[in-house]
Amino acid sequence: MQYSADAAETFALTVLGWLVAQPDLLPVFLGATGAEEADLRARVADPEFLGSVLDFLMMDDAWVIRFCDAESVPYEHPMMARAALPGGAQVHWT
C-alpha cells in the first residue's frame, strides 16, 4: 500500500490530533520543532509541517507503538505516510 499525498496529510492530521492529546509529548514536540501552540492551528494545512509531525513521531519507536495501538493502525503506516509528504523520499547515496 502506498499513501497518496492527500491520504498522507489526513494521516498526519490524525497523528497531530493524537499528539495534542498527549500531555507528556506535546511539550516535547513544541520544544523539538520550535513551534508554538498557535503554530499548530496556523500550519495545519502545510504538508511540510505535517511531515515534521510524522518525523517527530518516528523519533521513538515507543511513540509509534503508542500511536498505532491507540489508533489501531499498522506500525509501518507512519513511515509510509511520511514518504508521501515533502522531504519524505528515501535518499539513496550510492
N, C-alpha and C. Protein backbone atom coordinates (compact mmCIF):
# COMPACT_ATOMS: atom_id res chain seq x y z
N MET A 1 0.85 -1.18 0.00
CA MET A 1 0.00 0.00 0.00
C MET A 1 0.89 1.24 0.00
N GLN A 2 0.54 2.19 -0.81
CA GLN A 2 1.19 3.49 -0.80
C GLN A 2 0.16 4.55 -0.43
N TYR A 3 0.64 5.59 0.20
CA TYR A 3 -0.23 6.70 0.54
C TYR A 3 -0.17 7.74 -0.57
N SER A 4 -1.32 8.29 -0.93
CA SER A 4 -1.34 9.47 -1.78
C SER A 4 -0.98 10.66 -0.89
N ALA A 5 -0.65 11.78 -1.50
CA ALA A 5 -0.34 12.97 -0.71
C ALA A 5 -1.51 13.36 0.18
N ASP A 6 -2.72 13.30 -0.37
CA ASP A 6 -3.91 13.67 0.43
C ASP A 6 -4.12 12.71 1.59
N ALA A 7 -3.97 11.42 1.34
CA ALA A 7 -4.14 10.43 2.40
C ALA A 7 -3.06 10.58 3.46
N ALA A 8 -1.83 10.91 3.04
CA ALA A 8 -0.74 11.11 3.98
C ALA A 8 -1.00 12.33 4.86
N GLU A 9 -1.53 13.40 4.26
CA GLU A 9 -1.86 14.59 5.05
C GLU A 9 -2.95 14.27 6.06
N THR A 10 -3.95 13.52 5.65
CA THR A 10 -5.02 13.13 6.57
C THR A 10 -4.47 12.28 7.71
N PHE A 11 -3.59 11.35 7.37
CA PHE A 11 -2.97 10.51 8.40
C PHE A 11 -2.16 11.38 9.38
N ALA A 12 -1.38 12.32 8.84
CA ALA A 12 -0.57 13.20 9.69
C ALA A 12 -1.46 14.06 10.59
N LEU A 13 -2.61 14.46 10.10
CA LEU A 13 -3.55 15.22 10.94
C LEU A 13 -4.06 14.36 12.09
N THR A 14 -4.26 13.08 11.82
CA THR A 14 -4.66 12.16 12.89
C THR A 14 -3.55 12.06 13.93
N VAL A 15 -2.31 11.97 13.46
CA VAL A 15 -1.17 11.94 14.38
C VAL A 15 -1.12 13.23 15.19
N LEU A 16 -1.29 14.37 14.54
CA LEU A 16 -1.26 15.65 15.24
C LEU A 16 -2.35 15.71 16.30
N GLY A 17 -3.55 15.27 15.96
CA GLY A 17 -4.64 15.25 16.94
C GLY A 17 -4.31 14.38 18.14
N TRP A 18 -3.70 13.23 17.87
CA TRP A 18 -3.29 12.34 18.96
C TRP A 18 -2.20 13.00 19.79
N LEU A 19 -1.25 13.61 19.11
CA LEU A 19 -0.13 14.25 19.79
C LEU A 19 -0.58 15.37 20.72
N VAL A 20 -1.53 16.17 20.25
CA VAL A 20 -2.05 17.28 21.05
C VAL A 20 -2.71 16.76 22.33
N ALA A 21 -3.25 15.55 22.27
CA ALA A 21 -3.92 14.97 23.43
C ALA A 21 -2.96 14.26 24.39
N GLN A 22 -1.66 14.28 24.08
CA GLN A 22 -0.66 13.61 24.93
C GLN A 22 0.09 14.66 25.75
N PRO A 23 -0.30 14.86 27.00
CA PRO A 23 0.32 15.92 27.80
C PRO A 23 1.83 15.72 28.01
N ASP A 24 2.31 14.50 27.90
CA ASP A 24 3.74 14.27 28.08
C ASP A 24 4.53 14.52 26.79
N LEU A 25 3.89 14.39 25.63
CA LEU A 25 4.61 14.53 24.36
C LEU A 25 4.46 15.89 23.70
N LEU A 26 3.34 16.55 23.89
CA LEU A 26 3.14 17.83 23.21
C LEU A 26 4.23 18.84 23.55
N PRO A 27 4.61 19.02 24.81
CA PRO A 27 5.69 19.97 25.09
C PRO A 27 7.02 19.55 24.45
N VAL A 28 7.26 18.26 24.35
CA VAL A 28 8.49 17.77 23.72
C VAL A 28 8.46 18.12 22.23
N PHE A 29 7.31 17.91 21.59
CA PHE A 29 7.17 18.26 20.17
C PHE A 29 7.38 19.75 19.96
N LEU A 30 6.74 20.56 20.77
CA LEU A 30 6.88 22.01 20.62
C LEU A 30 8.32 22.44 20.82
N GLY A 31 8.99 21.87 21.79
CA GLY A 31 10.38 22.20 22.03
C GLY A 31 11.30 21.73 20.92
N ALA A 32 11.04 20.54 20.39
CA ALA A 32 11.89 19.99 19.34
C ALA A 32 11.73 20.73 18.02
N THR A 33 10.54 21.22 17.75
CA THR A 33 10.28 21.87 16.46
C THR A 33 10.39 23.39 16.54
N GLY A 34 10.38 23.93 17.75
CA GLY A 34 10.38 25.38 17.89
C GLY A 34 9.02 25.98 17.63
N ALA A 35 8.01 25.14 17.46
CA ALA A 35 6.65 25.61 17.21
C ALA A 35 6.00 26.05 18.51
N GLU A 36 4.99 26.89 18.37
CA GLU A 36 4.15 27.28 19.50
C GLU A 36 2.76 26.73 19.24
N GLU A 37 1.93 26.72 20.27
CA GLU A 37 0.59 26.16 20.09
C GLU A 37 -0.18 26.86 18.97
N ALA A 38 0.00 28.15 18.80
CA ALA A 38 -0.67 28.88 17.72
C ALA A 38 -0.22 28.39 16.35
N ASP A 39 1.03 27.95 16.26
CA ASP A 39 1.55 27.41 15.00
C ASP A 39 0.81 26.14 14.59
N LEU A 40 0.36 25.37 15.56
CA LEU A 40 -0.34 24.14 15.24
C LEU A 40 -1.59 24.43 14.42
N ARG A 41 -2.32 25.45 14.80
CA ARG A 41 -3.52 25.82 14.06
C ARG A 41 -3.17 26.49 12.73
N ALA A 42 -2.16 27.34 12.75
CA ALA A 42 -1.81 28.10 11.55
C ALA A 42 -1.21 27.23 10.46
N ARG A 43 -0.53 26.16 10.84
CA ARG A 43 0.20 25.37 9.85
C ARG A 43 -0.43 24.00 9.59
N VAL A 44 -1.63 23.81 10.06
CA VAL A 44 -2.28 22.50 9.95
C VAL A 44 -2.46 22.04 8.50
N ALA A 45 -2.50 22.97 7.56
CA ALA A 45 -2.67 22.60 6.15
C ALA A 45 -1.34 22.59 5.39
N ASP A 46 -0.23 22.77 6.07
CA ASP A 46 1.09 22.82 5.45
C ASP A 46 1.69 21.41 5.39
N PRO A 47 1.84 20.84 4.19
CA PRO A 47 2.37 19.47 4.09
C PRO A 47 3.76 19.32 4.71
N GLU A 48 4.59 20.35 4.65
CA GLU A 48 5.92 20.25 5.26
C GLU A 48 5.82 20.18 6.78
N PHE A 49 4.91 20.95 7.36
CA PHE A 49 4.70 20.89 8.80
C PHE A 49 4.17 19.52 9.19
N LEU A 50 3.23 19.01 8.41
CA LEU A 50 2.67 17.68 8.71
C LEU A 50 3.75 16.61 8.61
N GLY A 51 4.68 16.80 7.68
CA GLY A 51 5.82 15.88 7.61
C GLY A 51 6.65 15.93 8.88
N SER A 52 6.81 17.12 9.45
CA SER A 52 7.57 17.24 10.70
C SER A 52 6.85 16.56 11.86
N VAL A 53 5.54 16.54 11.81
CA VAL A 53 4.77 15.82 12.83
C VAL A 53 5.10 14.33 12.76
N LEU A 54 5.11 13.79 11.55
CA LEU A 54 5.44 12.37 11.39
C LEU A 54 6.90 12.11 11.73
N ASP A 55 7.79 13.01 11.34
CA ASP A 55 9.21 12.86 11.71
C ASP A 55 9.36 12.78 13.22
N PHE A 56 8.66 13.65 13.93
CA PHE A 56 8.74 13.64 15.39
C PHE A 56 8.24 12.32 15.95
N LEU A 57 7.09 11.87 15.50
CA LEU A 57 6.53 10.62 16.00
C LEU A 57 7.53 9.48 15.82
N MET A 58 8.17 9.45 14.65
CA MET A 58 9.06 8.33 14.34
C MET A 58 10.43 8.44 15.01
N MET A 59 10.66 9.47 15.80
CA MET A 59 11.91 9.58 16.53
C MET A 59 12.05 8.51 17.61
N ASP A 60 10.93 7.97 18.04
CA ASP A 60 10.96 7.00 19.14
C ASP A 60 9.98 5.87 18.83
N ASP A 61 10.49 4.66 18.78
CA ASP A 61 9.62 3.51 18.49
C ASP A 61 8.47 3.39 19.49
N ALA A 62 8.72 3.75 20.73
CA ALA A 62 7.66 3.67 21.75
C ALA A 62 6.50 4.61 21.40
N TRP A 63 6.81 5.78 20.82
CA TRP A 63 5.76 6.71 20.43
C TRP A 63 4.97 6.15 19.26
N VAL A 64 5.66 5.55 18.31
CA VAL A 64 4.97 4.93 17.17
C VAL A 64 4.04 3.85 17.66
N ILE A 65 4.52 3.02 18.57
CA ILE A 65 3.69 1.94 19.10
C ILE A 65 2.49 2.50 19.85
N ARG A 66 2.70 3.52 20.68
CA ARG A 66 1.58 4.14 21.41
C ARG A 66 0.53 4.67 20.46
N PHE A 67 0.97 5.42 19.43
CA PHE A 67 0.02 5.98 18.48
C PHE A 67 -0.71 4.87 17.72
N CYS A 68 0.05 3.97 17.15
CA CYS A 68 -0.56 2.94 16.31
C CYS A 68 -1.51 2.04 17.10
N ASP A 69 -1.13 1.72 18.32
CA ASP A 69 -2.03 0.93 19.16
C ASP A 69 -3.30 1.70 19.49
N ALA A 70 -3.15 2.98 19.80
CA ALA A 70 -4.32 3.81 20.14
C ALA A 70 -5.25 3.97 18.95
N GLU A 71 -4.69 4.07 17.75
CA GLU A 71 -5.49 4.31 16.54
C GLU A 71 -5.77 3.04 15.74
N SER A 72 -5.26 1.92 16.22
CA SER A 72 -5.44 0.61 15.55
C SER A 72 -4.98 0.65 14.09
N VAL A 73 -3.75 1.13 13.90
CA VAL A 73 -3.16 1.13 12.56
C VAL A 73 -1.84 0.36 12.62
N PRO A 74 -1.46 -0.26 11.51
CA PRO A 74 -0.19 -0.99 11.48
C PRO A 74 1.00 -0.07 11.75
N TYR A 75 2.03 -0.62 12.36
CA TYR A 75 3.19 0.17 12.78
C TYR A 75 3.94 0.80 11.62
N GLU A 76 3.85 0.26 10.44
CA GLU A 76 4.59 0.82 9.31
C GLU A 76 3.88 2.01 8.65
N HIS A 77 2.66 2.28 9.00
CA HIS A 77 1.91 3.35 8.35
C HIS A 77 2.49 4.76 8.55
N PRO A 78 3.02 5.11 9.72
CA PRO A 78 3.63 6.44 9.81
C PRO A 78 4.76 6.64 8.79
N MET A 79 5.59 5.63 8.59
CA MET A 79 6.69 5.74 7.63
C MET A 79 6.15 5.81 6.20
N MET A 80 5.13 5.05 5.92
CA MET A 80 4.54 5.06 4.58
C MET A 80 3.91 6.42 4.28
N ALA A 81 3.22 6.98 5.26
CA ALA A 81 2.62 8.31 5.07
C ALA A 81 3.71 9.36 4.92
N ARG A 82 4.77 9.24 5.71
CA ARG A 82 5.85 10.23 5.63
C ARG A 82 6.49 10.25 4.25
N ALA A 83 6.60 9.10 3.63
CA ALA A 83 7.22 9.02 2.30
C ALA A 83 6.44 9.79 1.25
N ALA A 84 5.15 9.99 1.48
CA ALA A 84 4.30 10.67 0.50
C ALA A 84 4.27 12.19 0.68
N LEU A 85 4.89 12.69 1.74
CA LEU A 85 4.89 14.13 2.01
C LEU A 85 6.23 14.75 1.60
N PRO A 86 6.28 16.06 1.41
CA PRO A 86 7.54 16.71 1.01
C PRO A 86 8.69 16.37 1.95
N GLY A 87 9.82 16.00 1.36
CA GLY A 87 11.00 15.65 2.13
C GLY A 87 11.01 14.24 2.65
N GLY A 88 10.02 13.46 2.29
CA GLY A 88 9.92 12.11 2.83
C GLY A 88 10.53 11.01 1.98
N ALA A 89 10.96 11.36 0.78
CA ALA A 89 11.54 10.34 -0.10
C ALA A 89 12.85 9.84 0.48
N GLN A 90 13.07 8.54 0.36
CA GLN A 90 14.33 7.98 0.83
C GLN A 90 15.44 8.37 -0.12
N VAL A 91 16.56 8.73 0.46
CA VAL A 91 17.72 9.12 -0.32
C VAL A 91 18.64 7.92 -0.47
N HIS A 92 19.05 7.64 -1.68
CA HIS A 92 19.99 6.57 -1.94
C HIS A 92 21.33 7.21 -2.26
N TRP A 93 22.32 6.98 -1.42
CA TRP A 93 23.60 7.66 -1.52
C TRP A 93 24.56 6.97 -2.50
N THR A 94 24.18 5.83 -3.03
CA THR A 94 25.11 5.14 -3.96
C THR A 94 24.56 5.12 -5.35
